[in-house]
Amino acid sequence: MATEAVGSRNQLHDNDSGTMTAAQRRAFGELLKGPFVSIDRTPEVFKTISGYRELFASNLDNLFLTLVVDDVAGIAYAKSWEEDGTESRILMRKKALSFAESVLLLSLRHELMRESPSERVVVSKDEIFEGCLPFLSSLGTDKAATWKKLDAAWNKLKDVSIVRATPTDGRFDVSPVLRLIFSAEEIAQLEANYKQILEENNE
């Protein structure tokens, strides 16, 4: 899809100097707000980004950001430049993951990687939690308290649509974005750290 011609017809008020259409601006705002845009959650926004990706990529480059679009997974997001440069600035907000959040994300990503990218991945919340417990023994021996921490972490993942409820109670869809947002090196480092934790807890 060709980029729309810019001009006065894109003005939203008399003093508007912007060159994007209203739909493009909304989509650009969603990219900046993060953490990702999905075709399942906001199909029109995703279609706008996919159809005008050169426009969005160019504008994001002005902010030292890179556009990532996966049409197969239906996911788009912006990330900070990986290239080193003296002028580069980290503009995307980053939130440190809690230990419980990171263990959950790693477990969910493993579930995704066991299936074809075209397959829907549905998991049992209770089974995921049970699988995470051995890695969280450092938080204490009170299973109920640990389960509560996992539940709080799970709700945060729900808030950003990493996991989404299905009509079946206790079962959740896993967003394919988890295939994209961690590099192989990051996953290997996480796995090594958690393997060490598991070994220490079993000593």
C-alpha atoms as a PDB file:
ATOM      1  CA  MET A   1       0.000   0.000   0.000  1.00  0.00           C
ATOM      2  CA  ALA A   2       1.458   3.334  -0.987  1.00  0.00           C
ATOM      3  CA  THR A   3       1.857   6.035   1.592  1.00  0.00           C
ATOM      4  CA  GLU A   4      -0.939   8.604   1.408  1.00  0.00           C
ATOM      5  CA  ALA A   5      -0.024  11.997   0.080  1.00  0.00           C
ATOM      6  CA  VAL A   6       0.471  14.519   2.839  1.00  0.00           C
ATOM      7  CA  GLY A   7      -1.115  17.906   2.896  1.00  0.00           C
ATOM      8  CA  SER A   8      -3.851  20.031   4.363  1.00  0.00           C
ATOM      9  CA  ARG A   9      -6.393  17.200   4.227  1.00  0.00           C
ATOM     10  CA  ASN A  10      -4.477  15.513   7.058  1.00  0.00           C
ATOM     11  CA  GLN A  11      -4.835  18.534   9.330  1.00  0.00           C
ATOM     12  CA  LEU A  12      -6.996  17.842  12.365  1.00  0.00           C
ATOM     13  CA  HIS A  13      -7.242  21.531  13.348  1.00  0.00           C
ATOM     14  CA  ASP A  14      -6.222  24.886  11.891  1.00  0.00           C
ATOM     15  CA  ASN A  15      -2.756  24.966  13.477  1.00  0.00           C
ATOM     16  CA  ASP A  16      -2.023  21.279  12.892  1.00  0.00           C
ATOM     17  CA  SER A  17       1.356  20.809  11.166  1.00  0.00           C
ATOM     18  CA  GLY A  18       1.289  17.009  11.288  1.00  0.00           C
ATOM     19  CA  THR A  19       1.504  14.991   8.092  1.00  0.00           C
ATOM     20  CA  MET A  20      -0.138  11.734   9.177  1.00  0.00           C
ATOM     21  CA  THR A  21      -3.821  10.895   8.892  1.00  0.00           C
ATOM     22  CA  ALA A  22      -5.839  10.519  12.097  1.00  0.00           C
ATOM     23  CA  ALA A  23      -5.704   6.718  11.789  1.00  0.00           C
ATOM     24  CA  GLN A  24      -1.937   6.764  11.274  1.00  0.00           C
ATOM     25  CA  ARG A  25      -1.422   9.007  14.285  1.00  0.00           C
ATOM     26  CA  ARG A  26      -3.490   6.708  16.479  1.00  0.00           C
ATOM     27  CA  ALA A  27      -1.463   3.731  15.290  1.00  0.00           C
ATOM     28  CA  PHE A  28       1.813   5.590  15.864  1.00  0.00           C
ATOM     29  CA  GLY A  29       0.681   6.436  19.384  1.00  0.00           C
ATOM     30  CA  GLU A  30      -0.099   2.776  20.087  1.00  0.00           C
ATOM     31  CA  LEU A  31       3.395   1.798  18.933  1.00  0.00           C
ATOM     32  CA  LEU A  32       4.957   4.337  21.274  1.00  0.00           C
ATOM     33  CA  LYS A  33       2.703   3.339  24.160  1.00  0.00           C
ATOM     34  CA  GLY A  34       3.610  -0.349  23.731  1.00  0.00           C
ATOM     35  CA  PRO A  35       4.279  -3.026  24.571  1.00  0.00           C
ATOM     36  CA  PHE A  36       2.896  -4.283  21.234  1.00  0.00           C
ATOM     37  CA  VAL A  37       0.010  -4.072  18.786  1.00  0.00           C
ATOM     38  CA  SER A  38      -1.780  -7.257  17.776  1.00  0.00           C
ATOM     39  CA  ILE A  39      -4.235  -7.998  15.001  1.00  0.00           C
ATOM     40  CA  ASP A  40      -6.391  -9.891  17.505  1.00  0.00           C
ATOM     41  CA  ARG A  41      -6.757  -7.003  19.929  1.00  0.00           C
ATOM     42  CA  THR A  42      -6.776  -3.979  17.596  1.00  0.00           C
ATOM     43  CA  PRO A  43      -7.081  -5.229  13.998  1.00  0.00           C
ATOM     44  CA  GLU A  44      -7.513  -1.816  12.340  1.00  0.00           C
ATOM     45  CA  VAL A  45      -4.472  -0.384  14.120  1.00  0.00           C
ATOM     46  CA  PHE A  46      -2.352  -3.369  13.105  1.00  0.00           C
ATOM     47  CA  LYS A  47      -3.526  -3.133   9.485  1.00  0.00           C
ATOM     48  CA  THR A  48      -2.611   0.558   9.428  1.00  0.00           C
ATOM     49  CA  ILE A  49       0.900  -0.178  10.707  1.00  0.00           C
ATOM     50  CA  SER A  50       1.382  -3.101   8.322  1.00  0.00           C
ATOM     51  CA  GLY A  51       0.098  -1.143   5.336  1.00  0.00           C
ATOM     52  CA  TYR A  52       2.193   1.961   6.013  1.00  0.00           C
ATOM     53  CA  ARG A  53       5.242   0.363   7.594  1.00  0.00           C
ATOM     54  CA  GLU A  54       7.743   2.506   5.663  1.00  0.00           C
ATOM     55  CA  LEU A  55       6.083   5.640   7.015  1.00  0.00           C
ATOM     56  CA  PHE A  56       6.121   4.353  10.584  1.00  0.00           C
ATOM     57  CA  ALA A  57       9.662   2.981  10.314  1.00  0.00           C
ATOM     58  CA  SER A  58      10.938   6.346   9.096  1.00  0.00           C
ATOM     59  CA  ASN A  59       9.255   8.271  11.898  1.00  0.00           C
ATOM     60  CA  LEU A  60      10.449   5.783  14.520  1.00  0.00           C
ATOM     61  CA  ASP A  61      14.018   6.068  13.226  1.00  0.00           C
ATOM     62  CA  ASN A  62      13.821   9.769  14.107  1.00  0.00           C
ATOM     63  CA  LEU A  63      13.306   8.631  17.697  1.00  0.00           C
ATOM     64  CA  PHE A  64      16.125   6.038  17.633  1.00  0.00           C
ATOM     65  CA  LEU A  65      13.517   3.266  17.470  1.00  0.00           C
ATOM     66  CA  THR A  66      13.061   0.305  15.136  1.00  0.00           C
ATOM     67  CA  LEU A  67       9.740  -0.989  13.832  1.00  0.00           C
ATOM     68  CA  VAL A  68       9.142  -4.749  13.970  1.00  0.00           C
ATOM     69  CA  VAL A  69       6.160  -6.188  12.075  1.00  0.00           C
ATOM     70  CA  ASP A  70       5.345  -9.898  11.864  1.00  0.00           C
ATOM     71  CA  ASP A  71       2.414 -10.326   9.496  1.00  0.00           C
ATOM     72  CA  VAL A  72       2.165 -14.069  10.141  1.00  0.00           C
ATOM     73  CA  ALA A  73       1.835 -13.641  13.915  1.00  0.00           C
ATOM     74  CA  GLY A  74      -0.117 -10.413  13.534  1.00  0.00           C
ATOM     75  CA  ILE A  75       2.218  -8.514  15.866  1.00  0.00           C
ATOM     76  CA  ALA A  76       3.892  -5.101  15.595  1.00  0.00           C
ATOM     77  CA  TYR A  77       6.016  -3.212  18.105  1.00  0.00           C
ATOM     78  CA  ALA A  78       8.759  -0.611  18.423  1.00  0.00           C
ATOM     79  CA  LYS A  79      12.079  -1.280  20.103  1.00  0.00           C
ATOM     80  CA  SER A  80      15.186   0.750  20.834  1.00  0.00           C
ATOM     81  CA  TRP A  81      17.955   0.725  18.243  1.00  0.00           C
ATOM     82  CA  GLU A  82      20.391  -2.140  18.671  1.00  0.00           C
ATOM     83  CA  GLU A  83      23.096  -0.283  16.754  1.00  0.00           C
ATOM     84  CA  ASP A  84      25.655   1.506  18.870  1.00  0.00           C
ATOM     85  CA  GLY A  85      25.868   5.215  18.292  1.00  0.00           C
ATOM     86  CA  THR A  86      26.875   8.259  20.284  1.00  0.00           C
ATOM     87  CA  GLU A  87      23.599   9.978  19.375  1.00  0.00           C
ATOM     88  CA  SER A  88      21.381   7.033  20.262  1.00  0.00           C
ATOM     89  CA  ARG A  89      19.048   7.425  23.203  1.00  0.00           C
ATOM     90  CA  ILE A  90      16.878   4.818  24.913  1.00  0.00           C
ATOM     91  CA  LEU A  91      13.382   6.287  24.602  1.00  0.00           C
ATOM     92  CA  MET A  92      11.177   3.238  25.079  1.00  0.00           C
ATOM     93  CA  ARG A  93      10.073   2.711  28.642  1.00  0.00           C
ATOM     94  CA  LYS A  94      11.466  -0.474  30.106  1.00  0.00           C
ATOM     95  CA  LYS A  95      10.110  -2.208  33.147  1.00  0.00           C
ATOM     96  CA  ALA A  96      12.224  -4.605  35.136  1.00  0.00           C
ATOM     97  CA  LEU A  97      10.552  -7.983  35.483  1.00  0.00           C
ATOM     98  CA  SER A  98       9.999  -9.505  38.884  1.00  0.00           C
ATOM     99  CA  PHE A  99      11.460 -12.963  39.449  1.00  0.00           C
ATOM    100  CA  ALA A 100       7.984 -14.514  39.242  1.00  0.00           C
ATOM    101  CA  GLU A 101       7.181 -12.627  36.013  1.00  0.00           C
ATOM    102  CA  SER A 102      10.385 -13.724  34.326  1.00  0.00           C
ATOM    103  CA  VAL A 103       9.863 -17.378  35.317  1.00  0.00           C
ATOM    104  CA  LEU A 104       6.309 -17.264  33.981  1.00  0.00           C
ATOM    105  CA  LEU A 105       7.401 -15.659  30.706  1.00  0.00           C
ATOM    106  CA  LEU A 106      10.114 -18.249  30.176  1.00  0.00           C
ATOM    107  CA  SER A 107       7.671 -21.070  30.867  1.00  0.00           C
ATOM    108  CA  LEU A 108       5.075 -19.623  28.486  1.00  0.00           C
ATOM    109  CA  ARG A 109       7.664 -19.117  25.764  1.00  0.00           C
ATOM    110  CA  HIS A 110       8.681 -22.769  26.061  1.00  0.00           C
ATOM    111  CA  GLU A 111       5.045 -23.721  25.494  1.00  0.00           C
ATOM    112  CA  LEU A 112       4.966 -21.549  22.365  1.00  0.00           C
ATOM    113  CA  MET A 113       8.185 -22.963  20.965  1.00  0.00           C
ATOM    114  CA  ARG A 114       6.828 -26.507  21.260  1.00  0.00           C
ATOM    115  CA  GLU A 115       4.170 -25.701  18.653  1.00  0.00           C
ATOM    116  CA  SER A 116       4.206 -24.497  15.060  1.00  0.00           C
ATOM    117  CA  PRO A 117       4.048 -20.672  14.688  1.00  0.00           C
ATOM    118  CA  SER A 118       0.714 -21.104  12.939  1.00  0.00           C
ATOM    119  CA  GLU A 119      -0.794 -23.071  15.834  1.00  0.00           C
ATOM    120  CA  ARG A 120      -2.823 -21.514  18.624  1.00  0.00           C
ATOM    121  CA  VAL A 121      -1.255 -22.232  22.012  1.00  0.00           C
ATOM    122  CA  VAL A 122      -3.617 -22.677  24.978  1.00  0.00           C
ATOM    123  CA  VAL A 123      -2.241 -23.425  28.447  1.00  0.00           C
ATOM    124  CA  SER A 124      -3.580 -24.338  31.848  1.00  0.00           C
ATOM    125  CA  LYS A 125      -2.817 -21.638  34.383  1.00  0.00           C
ATOM    126  CA  ASP A 126      -2.559 -24.170  37.220  1.00  0.00           C
ATOM    127  CA  GLU A 127      -0.162 -26.404  35.274  1.00  0.00           C
ATOM    128  CA  ILE A 128       2.060 -23.440  34.408  1.00  0.00           C
ATOM    129  CA  PHE A 129       2.129 -22.399  38.072  1.00  0.00           C
ATOM    130  CA  GLU A 130       3.005 -25.925  39.245  1.00  0.00           C
ATOM    131  CA  GLY A 131       5.858 -26.049  36.746  1.00  0.00           C
ATOM    132  CA  CYS A 132       7.214 -22.744  38.036  1.00  0.00           C
ATOM    133  CA  LEU A 133       7.174 -23.628  41.754  1.00  0.00           C
ATOM    134  CA  PRO A 134      10.567 -25.430  41.837  1.00  0.00           C
ATOM    135  CA  PHE A 135      12.266 -22.273  40.544  1.00  0.00           C
ATOM    136  CA  LEU A 136      10.574 -20.099  43.167  1.00  0.00           C
ATOM    137  CA  SER A 137      11.490 -22.044  46.292  1.00  0.00           C
ATOM    138  CA  SER A 138      13.902 -19.234  47.168  1.00  0.00           C
ATOM    139  CA  LEU A 139      10.808 -17.097  47.863  1.00  0.00           C
ATOM    140  CA  GLY A 140       9.916 -19.381  50.768  1.00  0.00           C
ATOM    141  CA  THR A 141       8.291 -22.716  51.521  1.00  0.00           C
ATOM    142  CA  ASP A 142       4.745 -21.354  51.822  1.00  0.00           C
ATOM    143  CA  LYS A 143       3.106 -22.613  48.621  1.00  0.00           C
ATOM    144  CA  ALA A 144       0.041 -20.400  49.107  1.00  0.00           C
ATOM    145  CA  ALA A 145       2.225 -17.277  49.366  1.00  0.00           C
ATOM    146  CA  THR A 146       4.254 -18.267  46.299  1.00  0.00           C
ATOM    147  CA  TRP A 147       1.061 -19.025  44.382  1.00  0.00           C
ATOM    148  CA  LYS A 148      -0.176 -15.529  45.297  1.00  0.00           C
ATOM    149  CA  LYS A 149       3.001 -13.982  43.843  1.00  0.00           C
ATOM    150  CA  LEU A 150       2.531 -16.002  40.653  1.00  0.00           C
ATOM    151  CA  ASP A 151      -1.093 -14.913  40.458  1.00  0.00           C
ATOM    152  CA  ALA A 152      -0.095 -11.246  40.741  1.00  0.00           C
ATOM    153  CA  ALA A 153       2.524 -11.740  38.014  1.00  0.00           C
ATOM    154  CA  TRP A 154      -0.022 -13.556  35.843  1.00  0.00           C
ATOM    155  CA  ASN A 155      -2.488 -10.666  36.155  1.00  0.00           C
ATOM    156  CA  LYS A 156       0.185  -8.262  34.911  1.00  0.00           C
ATOM    157  CA  LEU A 157       0.695 -10.471  31.868  1.00  0.00           C
ATOM    158  CA  LYS A 158      -3.066 -10.453  31.323  1.00  0.00           C
ATOM    159  CA  ASP A 159      -3.109  -6.647  31.472  1.00  0.00           C
ATOM    160  CA  VAL A 160      -0.779  -6.451  28.458  1.00  0.00           C
ATOM    161  CA  SER A 161      -2.456  -9.375  26.646  1.00  0.00           C
ATOM    162  CA  ILE A 162       0.498 -11.759  26.900  1.00  0.00           C
ATOM    163  CA  VAL A 163      -2.094 -14.254  28.113  1.00  0.00           C
ATOM    164  CA  ARG A 164      -5.796 -13.988  27.317  1.00  0.00           C
ATOM    165  CA  ALA A 165      -8.681 -15.844  28.905  1.00  0.00           C
ATOM    166  CA  THR A 166     -10.567 -18.438  26.864  1.00  0.00           C
ATOM    167  CA  PRO A 167     -14.176 -19.572  27.384  1.00  0.00           C
ATOM    168  CA  THR A 168     -12.776 -22.544  29.363  1.00  0.00           C
ATOM    169  CA  ASP A 169     -12.137 -21.622  32.980  1.00  0.00           C
ATOM    170  CA  GLY A 170      -8.439 -21.685  33.894  1.00  0.00           C
ATOM    171  CA  ARG A 171      -7.180 -21.948  30.318  1.00  0.00           C
ATOM    172  CA  PHE A 172      -5.476 -19.115  28.459  1.00  0.00           C
ATOM    173  CA  ASP A 173      -4.235 -18.247  24.990  1.00  0.00           C
ATOM    174  CA  VAL A 174      -0.536 -17.332  24.859  1.00  0.00           C
ATOM    175  CA  SER A 175       0.335 -14.369  22.648  1.00  0.00           C
ATOM    176  CA  PRO A 176       2.794 -15.153  19.823  1.00  0.00           C
ATOM    177  CA  VAL A 177       4.633 -11.937  20.687  1.00  0.00           C
ATOM    178  CA  LEU A 178       6.726 -14.040  23.102  1.00  0.00           C
ATOM    179  CA  ARG A 179       8.362 -15.660  20.072  1.00  0.00           C
ATOM    180  CA  LEU A 180       9.702 -12.254  19.067  1.00  0.00           C
ATOM    181  CA  ILE A 181      10.576 -10.134  22.066  1.00  0.00           C
ATOM    182  CA  PHE A 182      13.365 -12.291  23.502  1.00  0.00           C
ATOM    183  CA  SER A 183      16.533 -13.027  21.582  1.00  0.00           C
ATOM    184  CA  ALA A 184      18.060 -16.517  21.627  1.00  0.00           C
ATOM    185  CA  GLU A 185      20.931 -15.121  23.726  1.00  0.00           C
ATOM    186  CA  GLU A 186      18.548 -13.675  26.327  1.00  0.00           C
ATOM    187  CA  ILE A 187      16.645 -16.944  26.595  1.00  0.00           C
ATOM    188  CA  ALA A 188      19.870 -18.940  26.940  1.00  0.00           C
ATOM    189  CA  GLN A 189      21.017 -16.647  29.758  1.00  0.00           C
ATOM    190  CA  LEU A 190      17.688 -16.929  31.568  1.00  0.00           C
ATOM    191  CA  GLU A 191      17.677 -20.709  31.222  1.00  0.00           C
ATOM    192  CA  ALA A 192      21.232 -20.945  32.556  1.00  0.00           C
ATOM    193  CA  ASN A 193      20.329 -18.777  35.550  1.00  0.00           C
ATOM    194  CA  TYR A 194      17.230 -20.803  36.372  1.00  0.00           C
ATOM    195  CA  LYS A 195      19.040 -24.117  35.939  1.00  0.00           C
ATOM    196  CA  GLN A 196      21.604 -22.938  38.455  1.00  0.00           C
ATOM    197  CA  ILE A 197      18.841 -21.899  40.861  1.00  0.00           C
ATOM    198  CA  LEU A 198      17.178 -25.309  40.502  1.00  0.00           C
ATOM    199  CA  GLU A 199      20.467 -27.114  41.140  1.00  0.00           C
ATOM    200  CA  GLU A 200      21.169 -24.982  44.238  1.00  0.00           C
ATOM    201  CA  ASN A 201      17.690 -25.649  45.608  1.00  0.00           C
ATOM    202  CA  ASN A 202      18.161 -29.412  45.180  1.00  0.00           C
ATOM    203  CA  GLU A 203      21.472 -29.542  46.990  1.00  0.00           C
END
